[in-house]
Amino acid sequence: MRRRFGLALRNAEHVDSRNSQEARTIGRVGGMWLGAVCYTKFVIKIEQFLFYFLLFAIPFQTRKILWHQNWNFNEWQAISIYGTDILLIILFGFWMFNRVKPKVEKYDYFLFALIAVSAISIKNAISPQLATFNVLKLIEFVVFYFYIKSYAVYRFGLIRSMIVLIGGGLFQAIIAILQFFKQSSLGLKLLGESVLAPDLTGIASFYTLQGEKIIRAYGTTPHPNILAAYLFLTIFVFYFVFLYRPKINYFLLIGYSLMLLALFFTFARVMIFLWVFGFVIRACLMVGKKNFRKIFAYGLNRVKLTKILVISTAVVVLFGAFYWPEAVSRVKISSGEEAVQLRIFYNKESVKSLNWFGVGTGNFVDWLMVKDPNLPRNLYQPVHNIYLLIYSETGILGIAAFILFLIFLIKDYIVNTKMEKLYHYSFLILFLSFLFVGLFDHFLWTLQQGRLMFWLGLALLTYFRNSDTIY
């Protein structure tokens, strides 16, 4: 009897020990699982923060100059790494780690052709270092284009990303307004703010009819035109977010008024014209198309449109009332104006060479220095037209690949969306506006801030969902 009792006791102890061991194992596994979940959420938060910060930091000039060609620095003969480059590399790493394949459409193969032609053009370059660097930059932003359209817009959400862009636009607007009122820089060197002062030469300024010098607003960008492009982008984003959110957000309306005022303080004629043109086109679509009229002519949507119209009118009237002499001075365009003369000069120079592969990517300035060695140093700049610049640097094959890519991208967008919704038109207006700017300036192709905006705009044009609920 005692023997049986002892055996039962030992069996019970063995079972308890085994249960305890299993419990400890389950506890360890559960702890590891919980730790993995927490770690995964933390990593996702880090990735999300870095992406949103990239959108916010598009206008920042923070960079390290790694190399420049001559003892006297020239922006177009230098190699730099920007803070936003580092952000892109980290974000690309997250993309690769998550193993999301890029979405490659038929028209994207023209981009690959452009990269190939650009690489071949290195053989014609006066500075192979600059050519190689610019080919790498082209590859970087083509990857950025695929990153946005294949991964980021779905992982982080379109509306949330746009709200961050509005935040970036508001931040730049506040800086720009303060710069304009102060007529000098604010000392934000860490963000790459340009040094501005009334007695400095070589800064973007103009004179009123009374002879007063006016410094245009820069924000943290290298030039007011670039700030204007970023504000134009964020104002477009505001229209999208404000109209498609279910409630009226008055903070967004205040931000819009400041961004619009800052846009005017850049005195960027092309961007302001494009804002007016886009505003009118959208208004005509809402009035002229029956399905849009049904949506926006009644209820909350009508209230939203009324508020946008009232605020826009108020900003325009107040700006005109206080800064009419400055506005008139900038509106008048003379064929003898320096900005006009320089654009004509660069355009003429760019078409003088006929080549299948061009003078080498990023080598237009070097080529111009050899061809016209006696020009003032400040005139050695890229041609102020991205199409002529691409033609000059990558030849007939390069510009052909680029134009064909644009044509088939737009065609694919129109066919797939069928232009059924207002935002389909808005995205197309934004994209075509950037292409129009490319006729008069080069920053969308040559400068970090412009490249980020241009390739982001390209990626946005690929975003469409026929089954979405956005009207």
Protein backbone atom coordinates (compact mmCIF):
# COMPACT_ATOMS: atom_id res chain seq x y z
CA MET A 1 0.00 0.00 0.00
CA ARG A 2 2.81 2.33 1.00
CA ARG A 3 4.71 1.36 -2.15
CA ARG A 4 1.73 2.24 -4.36
CA PHE A 5 1.25 5.55 -2.54
CA GLY A 6 4.95 6.45 -3.00
CA LEU A 7 4.81 5.58 -6.68
CA ALA A 8 1.74 7.76 -7.17
CA LEU A 9 3.43 10.60 -5.32
CA ARG A 10 6.52 10.37 -7.51
CA ASN A 11 4.34 10.31 -10.65
CA ALA A 12 2.49 13.40 -9.45
CA GLU A 13 5.77 15.18 -8.78
CA HIS A 14 6.98 14.20 -12.26
CA VAL A 15 3.79 15.54 -13.84
CA ASP A 16 4.07 18.78 -11.86
CA SER A 17 7.69 19.15 -12.92
CA ARG A 18 6.79 18.55 -16.55
CA ASN A 19 3.89 21.00 -16.37
CA SER A 20 6.14 23.57 -14.75
CA GLN A 21 8.73 23.09 -17.47
CA GLU A 22 6.08 23.44 -20.17
CA ALA A 23 4.78 26.59 -18.48
CA ARG A 24 8.29 28.06 -18.42
CA THR A 25 8.73 27.16 -22.11
CA ILE A 26 5.40 28.75 -22.98
CA GLY A 27 6.37 31.79 -20.95
CA ARG A 28 9.70 32.12 -22.76
CA VAL A 29 8.05 31.69 -26.17
CA GLY A 30 5.34 34.16 -25.23
CA GLY A 31 7.94 36.63 -24.02
CA MET A 32 9.93 36.24 -27.22
CA TRP A 33 6.77 36.70 -29.29
CA LEU A 34 5.75 39.78 -27.32
CA GLY A 35 9.28 41.18 -27.63
CA ALA A 36 9.26 40.52 -31.38
CA VAL A 37 5.88 42.26 -31.73
CA CYS A 38 7.08 45.27 -29.75
CA TYR A 39 10.33 45.38 -31.72
CA THR A 40 8.44 45.16 -35.03
CA LYS A 41 6.10 47.98 -34.01
CA PHE A 42 9.10 50.07 -32.92
CA VAL A 43 10.86 49.49 -36.25
CA ILE A 44 7.68 50.38 -38.16
CA LYS A 45 7.39 53.59 -36.14
CA ILE A 46 11.01 54.47 -36.93
CA GLU A 47 10.46 53.82 -40.64
CA GLN A 48 7.26 55.87 -40.60
CA PHE A 49 8.97 58.78 -38.84
CA LEU A 50 11.87 58.79 -41.31
CA PHE A 51 9.53 58.84 -44.31
CA TYR A 52 7.40 61.64 -42.92
CA PHE A 53 10.51 63.59 -41.98
CA LEU A 54 11.79 63.19 -45.56
CA LEU A 55 8.62 64.83 -46.89
CA PHE A 56 8.92 67.59 -44.30
CA ALA A 57 12.63 68.12 -45.04
CA ILE A 58 12.42 68.33 -48.86
CA PRO A 59 13.33 72.07 -48.86
CA PHE A 60 16.28 71.69 -46.44
CA GLN A 61 19.76 72.36 -47.86
CA THR A 62 21.68 70.55 -45.11
CA ARG A 63 24.58 68.83 -46.86
CA LYS A 64 28.28 67.95 -46.91
CA ILE A 65 30.30 69.07 -49.94
CA LEU A 66 32.58 66.14 -50.76
CA TRP A 67 34.43 67.51 -53.78
CA HIS A 68 34.49 70.46 -56.15
CA GLN A 69 36.36 70.83 -59.38
CA ASN A 70 38.18 74.15 -59.06
CA TRP A 71 39.58 76.24 -56.23
CA ASN A 72 36.67 78.69 -56.65
CA PHE A 73 33.46 76.86 -55.81
CA ASN A 74 30.79 76.39 -58.47
CA GLU A 75 27.56 74.63 -57.48
CA TRP A 76 27.39 72.84 -60.83
CA GLN A 77 30.93 71.44 -60.56
CA ALA A 78 30.61 69.97 -57.08
CA ILE A 79 29.69 66.65 -55.48
CA SER A 80 27.60 66.81 -52.31
CA ILE A 81 25.68 64.45 -50.08
CA TYR A 82 22.50 65.82 -48.55
CA GLY A 83 20.75 64.84 -45.36
CA THR A 84 17.83 63.75 -47.53
CA ASP A 85 20.19 61.40 -49.42
CA ILE A 86 20.94 59.60 -46.16
CA LEU A 87 17.23 59.38 -45.38
CA LEU A 88 16.57 57.90 -48.82
CA ILE A 89 19.27 55.25 -48.40
CA ILE A 90 17.83 54.18 -45.03
CA LEU A 91 14.28 54.08 -46.41
CA PHE A 92 15.41 52.04 -49.41
CA GLY A 93 16.94 49.60 -46.91
CA PHE A 94 13.57 49.19 -45.16
CA TRP A 95 11.94 48.62 -48.55
CA MET A 96 14.42 45.88 -49.43
CA PHE A 97 14.06 44.28 -45.99
CA ASN A 98 10.27 44.06 -46.43
CA ARG A 99 10.75 42.42 -49.85
CA VAL A 100 8.08 44.40 -51.69
CA LYS A 101 8.70 44.14 -55.41
CA PRO A 102 8.74 47.34 -57.48
CA LYS A 103 5.82 47.87 -59.84
CA VAL A 104 7.34 48.19 -63.30
CA GLU A 105 5.06 49.32 -66.11
CA LYS A 106 5.89 49.23 -69.81
CA TYR A 107 6.61 52.96 -69.95
CA ASP A 108 9.14 52.59 -67.11
CA TYR A 109 11.53 50.86 -69.51
CA PHE A 110 12.13 54.25 -71.12
CA LEU A 111 13.56 55.33 -67.75
CA PHE A 112 15.96 52.39 -67.84
CA ALA A 113 16.92 53.46 -71.36
CA LEU A 114 17.59 57.00 -70.10
CA ILE A 115 19.88 55.62 -67.39
CA ALA A 116 21.74 53.53 -69.97
CA VAL A 117 22.20 56.50 -72.32
CA SER A 118 23.34 58.67 -69.40
CA ALA A 119 25.93 56.06 -68.45
CA ILE A 120 27.21 55.88 -72.04
CA SER A 121 27.42 59.68 -72.16
CA ILE A 122 30.20 59.57 -69.55
CA LYS A 123 32.62 58.83 -72.41
CA ASN A 124 31.97 62.34 -73.81
CA ALA A 125 32.29 64.12 -70.46
CA ILE A 126 34.96 66.72 -69.77
CA SER A 127 34.63 65.76 -66.09
CA PRO A 128 34.00 61.99 -65.77
CA GLN A 129 33.70 62.43 -61.99
CA LEU A 130 30.74 64.79 -62.34
CA ALA A 131 29.18 62.62 -65.03
CA THR A 132 29.45 59.47 -62.92
CA PHE A 133 28.03 61.27 -59.88
CA ASN A 134 25.06 62.59 -61.86
CA VAL A 135 24.33 59.15 -63.30
CA LEU A 136 24.26 57.83 -59.73
CA LYS A 137 21.90 60.67 -58.77
CA LEU A 138 19.61 59.76 -61.66
CA ILE A 139 19.58 56.14 -60.48
CA GLU A 140 18.86 57.30 -56.92
CA PHE A 141 15.78 59.25 -57.95
CA VAL A 142 14.50 56.60 -60.33
CA VAL A 143 14.64 54.23 -57.35
CA PHE A 144 12.84 56.91 -55.30
CA TYR A 145 10.12 57.02 -57.97
CA PHE A 146 9.64 53.24 -57.72
CA TYR A 147 9.81 53.40 -53.91
CA ILE A 148 6.95 55.91 -53.75
CA LYS A 149 4.66 54.29 -56.30
CA SER A 150 5.30 50.67 -55.28
CA TYR A 151 5.70 50.86 -51.52
CA ALA A 152 5.55 54.12 -49.59
CA VAL A 153 2.14 55.43 -50.66
CA TYR A 154 0.52 52.15 -49.59
CA ARG A 155 2.55 51.58 -46.42
CA PHE A 156 2.23 55.07 -44.95
CA GLY A 157 -1.07 56.25 -46.44
CA LEU A 158 -1.70 59.00 -48.96
CA ILE A 159 -3.68 61.38 -46.73
CA ARG A 160 -1.28 61.15 -43.76
CA SER A 161 1.68 61.76 -46.04
CA MET A 162 -0.07 64.78 -47.51
CA ILE A 163 -0.76 66.20 -44.04
CA VAL A 164 2.98 66.01 -43.34
CA LEU A 165 3.64 67.86 -46.61
CA ILE A 166 1.23 70.58 -45.50
CA GLY A 167 3.16 70.81 -42.24
CA GLY A 168 6.37 71.24 -44.22
CA GLY A 169 4.75 73.91 -46.36
CA LEU A 170 3.51 75.78 -43.29
CA PHE A 171 6.99 75.65 -41.72
CA GLN A 172 8.56 77.05 -44.89
CA ALA A 173 5.81 79.68 -45.18
CA ILE A 174 6.53 81.02 -41.69
CA ILE A 175 10.26 81.23 -42.45
CA ALA A 176 9.59 82.89 -45.82
CA ILE A 177 7.22 85.50 -44.37
CA LEU A 178 9.71 86.40 -41.63
CA GLN A 179 12.54 86.63 -44.18
CA PHE A 180 10.50 88.94 -46.37
CA PHE A 181 9.49 91.25 -43.53
CA LYS A 182 13.06 91.28 -42.18
CA GLN A 183 14.62 91.47 -45.69
CA SER A 184 17.43 89.21 -44.50
CA SER A 185 18.08 85.63 -43.43
CA LEU A 186 17.06 84.28 -40.01
CA GLY A 187 20.30 82.44 -39.19
CA LEU A 188 18.94 78.92 -39.77
CA LYS A 189 22.28 77.58 -41.02
CA LEU A 190 21.61 74.09 -39.70
CA LEU A 191 18.71 73.80 -42.17
CA GLY A 192 20.83 75.21 -44.99
CA GLU A 193 19.23 78.65 -45.14
CA SER A 194 20.96 80.93 -47.64
CA VAL A 195 22.67 84.03 -46.27
CA LEU A 196 20.52 87.03 -47.22
CA ALA A 197 21.22 90.72 -46.69
CA PRO A 198 20.37 93.94 -48.59
CA ASP A 199 24.03 94.69 -49.35
CA LEU A 200 24.84 91.25 -50.80
CA THR A 201 25.08 90.64 -54.55
CA GLY A 202 24.04 87.49 -56.35
CA ILE A 203 20.83 86.98 -54.38
CA ALA A 204 17.34 86.88 -55.91
CA SER A 205 16.03 90.42 -55.67
CA PHE A 206 14.46 93.16 -57.77
CA TYR A 207 13.94 96.92 -57.67
CA THR A 208 10.61 98.67 -57.46
CA LEU A 209 9.74 101.56 -59.76
CA GLN A 210 10.86 103.84 -56.91
CA GLY A 211 14.31 102.22 -56.83
CA GLU A 212 13.85 100.21 -53.61
CA LYS A 213 15.63 96.83 -53.52
CA ILE A 214 13.36 93.92 -52.53
CA ILE A 215 14.78 90.54 -51.50
CA ARG A 216 12.50 87.66 -52.45
CA ALA A 217 11.62 84.98 -49.86
CA TYR A 218 13.85 81.88 -49.90
CA GLY A 219 12.71 79.68 -47.02
CA THR A 220 15.47 77.10 -46.54
CA THR A 221 15.81 76.47 -50.29
CA PRO A 222 18.61 77.67 -52.61
CA HIS A 223 16.31 79.99 -54.57
CA PRO A 224 12.82 81.58 -54.30
CA ASN A 225 11.65 79.69 -57.40
CA ILE A 226 12.32 76.39 -55.62
CA LEU A 227 10.46 77.55 -52.53
CA ALA A 228 7.57 78.62 -54.78
CA ALA A 229 7.47 75.15 -56.35
CA TYR A 230 7.34 73.50 -52.92
CA LEU A 231 4.60 75.86 -51.73
CA PHE A 232 2.71 75.22 -54.98
CA LEU A 233 2.92 71.48 -54.24
CA THR A 234 1.76 71.88 -50.63
CA ILE A 235 -1.11 74.17 -51.65
CA PHE A 236 -2.28 71.52 -54.12
CA VAL A 237 -2.02 68.97 -51.31
CA PHE A 238 -4.08 71.25 -49.06
CA TYR A 239 -6.91 71.36 -51.62
CA PHE A 240 -6.91 67.57 -51.79
CA VAL A 241 -6.88 66.99 -48.02
CA PHE A 242 -9.32 69.78 -47.15
CA LEU A 243 -11.91 68.73 -49.71
CA TYR A 244 -11.75 65.01 -49.02
CA ARG A 245 -11.65 65.03 -45.22
CA PRO A 246 -15.13 64.64 -43.66
CA LYS A 247 -14.84 67.73 -41.42
CA ILE A 248 -13.73 71.33 -41.81
CA ASN A 249 -10.30 71.84 -40.26
CA TYR A 250 -9.73 75.52 -39.48
CA PHE A 251 -6.05 74.96 -38.69
CA LEU A 252 -5.60 73.79 -42.29
CA LEU A 253 -7.34 76.95 -43.51
CA ILE A 254 -4.96 79.13 -41.49
CA GLY A 255 -2.02 77.18 -42.87
CA TYR A 256 -3.35 77.64 -46.40
CA SER A 257 -3.56 81.41 -46.00
CA LEU A 258 0.07 81.56 -44.80
CA MET A 259 1.33 79.27 -47.58
CA LEU A 260 -0.46 81.35 -50.22
CA LEU A 261 0.95 84.59 -48.80
CA ALA A 262 4.45 83.07 -48.73
CA LEU A 263 4.01 82.00 -52.37
CA PHE A 264 3.34 85.62 -53.28
CA PHE A 265 6.40 86.74 -51.28
CA THR A 266 8.62 84.58 -53.52
CA PHE A 267 7.50 86.76 -56.47
CA ALA A 268 7.97 83.67 -58.66
CA ARG A 269 5.99 84.69 -61.73
CA VAL A 270 5.64 81.27 -63.36
CA MET A 271 4.51 79.48 -60.18
CA ILE A 272 2.02 82.20 -59.25
CA PHE A 273 0.60 82.11 -62.78
CA LEU A 274 0.29 78.31 -62.54
CA TRP A 275 -1.51 78.61 -59.19
CA VAL A 276 -4.04 81.04 -60.72
CA PHE A 277 -4.41 78.88 -63.83
CA GLY A 278 -4.91 75.68 -61.80
CA PHE A 279 -7.41 77.41 -59.51
CA VAL A 280 -9.47 78.57 -62.50
CA ILE A 281 -9.32 75.18 -64.24
CA ARG A 282 -10.57 73.37 -61.13
CA ALA A 283 -13.37 75.91 -60.74
CA CYS A 284 -14.40 75.41 -64.38
CA LEU A 285 -14.43 71.63 -63.91
CA MET A 286 -16.64 71.90 -60.84
CA VAL A 287 -19.08 74.17 -62.65
CA GLY A 288 -18.90 72.63 -66.11
CA LYS A 289 -19.01 68.88 -65.40
CA LYS A 290 -22.43 67.74 -64.22
CA ASN A 291 -21.21 64.95 -61.93
CA PHE A 292 -18.75 67.29 -60.18
CA ARG A 293 -21.39 70.01 -59.90
CA LYS A 294 -23.71 67.61 -58.07
CA ILE A 295 -20.99 66.80 -55.55
CA PHE A 296 -19.57 70.25 -54.85
CA ALA A 297 -22.58 72.54 -55.25
CA TYR A 298 -24.41 71.46 -52.10
CA GLY A 299 -23.93 70.79 -48.42
CA LEU A 300 -20.58 70.62 -46.67
CA ASN A 301 -18.59 70.56 -49.91
CA ARG A 302 -20.08 73.89 -50.94
CA VAL A 303 -19.17 75.36 -47.55
CA LYS A 304 -15.59 74.13 -47.97
CA LEU A 305 -15.28 75.63 -51.45
CA THR A 306 -16.72 78.92 -50.22
CA LYS A 307 -14.13 79.10 -47.43
CA ILE A 308 -11.29 78.37 -49.87
CA LEU A 309 -12.56 81.07 -52.25
CA VAL A 310 -13.00 83.65 -49.47
CA ILE A 311 -9.53 83.05 -47.99
CA SER A 312 -7.87 83.04 -51.42
CA THR A 313 -9.57 86.30 -52.36
CA ALA A 314 -8.69 87.89 -49.01
CA VAL A 315 -4.98 86.99 -49.33
CA VAL A 316 -4.83 88.26 -52.93
CA VAL A 317 -6.57 91.54 -52.03
CA LEU A 318 -4.44 92.17 -48.92
CA PHE A 319 -1.23 91.37 -50.79
CA GLY A 320 -2.24 93.68 -53.63
CA ALA A 321 -3.21 96.47 -51.23
CA PHE A 322 0.08 96.45 -49.32
CA TYR A 323 2.54 95.35 -52.02
CA TRP A 324 1.10 96.66 -55.28
CA PRO A 325 4.28 98.56 -56.33
CA GLU A 326 6.41 95.44 -55.76
CA ALA A 327 3.92 93.25 -57.65
CA VAL A 328 3.82 95.64 -60.62
CA SER A 329 7.62 95.73 -60.75
CA ARG A 330 7.79 91.92 -60.99
CA VAL A 331 4.85 91.48 -63.34
CA LYS A 332 6.43 93.63 -66.03
CA ILE A 333 8.63 91.39 -68.19
CA SER A 334 11.03 93.05 -70.59
CA SER A 335 13.04 91.31 -73.30
CA GLY A 336 16.03 93.21 -71.96
CA GLU A 337 15.60 91.88 -68.41
CA GLU A 338 18.62 89.90 -67.20
CA ALA A 339 16.61 86.78 -66.30
CA VAL A 340 15.07 86.74 -69.79
CA GLN A 341 18.37 87.42 -71.56
CA LEU A 342 20.15 84.65 -69.65
CA ARG A 343 17.47 82.11 -70.53
CA ILE A 344 17.69 83.05 -74.22
CA PHE A 345 21.49 82.79 -74.08
CA TYR A 346 21.51 79.36 -72.40
CA ASN A 347 18.86 78.03 -74.77
CA LYS A 348 20.88 79.11 -77.81
CA GLU A 349 24.06 77.56 -76.45
CA SER A 350 22.36 74.27 -75.63
CA VAL A 351 21.22 73.57 -79.19
CA LYS A 352 24.55 74.35 -80.87
CA SER A 353 25.82 70.79 -80.43
CA LEU A 354 24.15 67.85 -82.16
CA ASN A 355 25.07 64.54 -80.60
CA TRP A 356 23.53 61.13 -80.06
CA PHE A 357 24.83 60.91 -76.48
CA GLY A 358 25.40 64.56 -75.55
CA VAL A 359 28.29 66.22 -73.72
CA GLY A 360 27.94 64.03 -70.64
CA THR A 361 25.45 64.00 -67.78
CA GLY A 362 26.05 66.95 -65.47
CA ASN A 363 28.68 68.40 -67.82
CA PHE A 364 26.83 71.27 -69.51
CA VAL A 365 28.64 73.88 -67.39
CA ASP A 366 32.06 72.32 -68.08
CA TRP A 367 31.25 72.25 -71.79
CA LEU A 368 30.13 75.89 -71.68
CA MET A 369 33.36 76.91 -69.93
CA VAL A 370 35.42 75.33 -72.69
CA LYS A 371 33.25 76.75 -75.46
CA ASP A 372 32.94 80.29 -74.00
CA PRO A 373 35.88 80.71 -71.59
CA ASN A 374 35.54 84.49 -71.23
CA LEU A 375 32.09 84.68 -69.64
CA PRO A 376 31.69 86.05 -66.08
CA ARG A 377 31.87 83.13 -63.64
CA ASN A 378 28.33 83.68 -62.35
CA LEU A 379 26.97 82.99 -65.86
CA TYR A 380 28.26 79.42 -65.91
CA GLN A 381 24.97 77.69 -65.09
CA PRO A 382 22.87 74.88 -66.59
CA VAL A 383 20.47 75.84 -69.37
CA HIS A 384 17.20 77.05 -67.83
CA ASN A 385 15.10 74.39 -69.56
CA ILE A 386 15.21 70.76 -68.42
CA TYR A 387 14.38 69.42 -71.89
CA LEU A 388 17.20 71.31 -73.58
CA LEU A 389 19.48 70.39 -70.67
CA ILE A 390 18.74 66.68 -71.02
CA TYR A 391 19.23 67.00 -74.78
CA SER A 392 22.58 68.77 -74.32
CA GLU A 393 23.91 66.29 -71.77
CA THR A 394 22.49 62.97 -73.02
CA GLY A 395 21.87 63.75 -76.68
CA ILE A 396 19.05 62.81 -79.00
CA LEU A 397 18.68 59.33 -77.48
CA GLY A 398 18.45 60.67 -73.93
CA ILE A 399 15.78 63.29 -74.59
CA ALA A 400 13.84 60.82 -76.77
CA ALA A 401 13.72 58.28 -73.93
CA PHE A 402 12.63 60.95 -71.45
CA ILE A 403 9.88 62.40 -73.68
CA LEU A 404 8.53 58.94 -74.55
CA PHE A 405 8.43 58.05 -70.85
CA LEU A 406 6.37 61.17 -70.11
CA ILE A 407 3.99 60.63 -73.03
CA PHE A 408 3.20 57.01 -72.18
CA LEU A 409 2.98 57.74 -68.44
CA ILE A 410 0.33 60.41 -69.07
CA LYS A 411 -1.48 58.19 -71.58
CA ASP A 412 -1.56 55.29 -69.11
CA TYR A 413 -2.84 57.57 -66.35
CA ILE A 414 -5.70 58.92 -68.49
CA VAL A 415 -6.68 55.45 -69.74
CA ASN A 416 -6.65 53.83 -66.30
CA THR A 417 -8.42 56.59 -64.37
CA LYS A 418 -10.79 57.55 -67.22
CA MET A 419 -10.64 60.99 -65.55
CA GLU A 420 -13.76 60.14 -63.57
CA LYS A 421 -12.95 62.08 -60.41
CA LEU A 422 -11.83 65.59 -59.65
CA TYR A 423 -8.59 64.49 -58.03
CA HIS A 424 -7.64 62.71 -61.26
CA TYR A 425 -7.64 66.13 -62.94
CA SER A 426 -5.86 67.70 -59.97
CA PHE A 427 -2.98 65.21 -60.07
CA LEU A 428 -2.63 65.76 -63.80
CA ILE A 429 -2.69 69.56 -63.39
CA LEU A 430 0.07 69.31 -60.76
CA PHE A 431 2.21 67.12 -62.97
CA LEU A 432 1.71 69.23 -66.10
CA SER A 433 2.52 72.33 -64.06
CA PHE A 434 5.90 70.86 -63.14
CA LEU A 435 6.53 70.01 -66.79
CA PHE A 436 5.66 73.60 -67.71
CA VAL A 437 8.07 74.95 -65.08
CA GLY A 438 10.74 72.82 -66.74
CA LEU A 439 10.51 75.07 -69.80
CA PHE A 440 11.82 78.03 -67.79
CA ASP A 441 14.08 76.59 -65.08
CA HIS A 442 16.43 73.68 -64.44
CA PHE A 443 16.11 73.05 -60.68
CA LEU A 444 13.68 70.14 -61.12
CA TRP A 445 16.51 68.24 -62.80
CA THR A 446 19.68 69.61 -61.20
CA LEU A 447 19.05 70.44 -57.52
CA GLN A 448 18.20 68.08 -54.67
CA GLN A 449 15.01 69.84 -53.63
CA GLY A 450 13.75 70.07 -57.20
CA ARG A 451 14.56 66.44 -57.92
CA LEU A 452 12.63 65.28 -54.87
CA MET A 453 9.57 67.27 -55.94
CA PHE A 454 9.77 66.21 -59.59
CA TRP A 455 10.08 62.48 -58.96
CA LEU A 456 7.46 62.65 -56.21
CA GLY A 457 5.12 64.28 -58.73
CA LEU A 458 5.86 61.53 -61.24
CA ALA A 459 5.06 58.86 -58.66
CA LEU A 460 1.80 60.57 -57.65
CA LEU A 461 0.63 60.32 -61.24
CA THR A 462 0.81 56.53 -60.97
CA TYR A 463 -1.48 56.52 -57.92
CA PHE A 464 -5.01 55.61 -58.89
CA ARG A 465 -7.60 53.19 -57.57
CA ASN A 466 -10.72 52.69 -59.60
CA SER A 467 -12.44 51.18 -56.56
CA ASP A 468 -11.64 53.96 -54.10
CA THR A 469 -14.29 56.10 -52.44
CA ILE A 470 -12.72 59.48 -53.13
CA TYR A 471 -15.01 61.56 -55.33
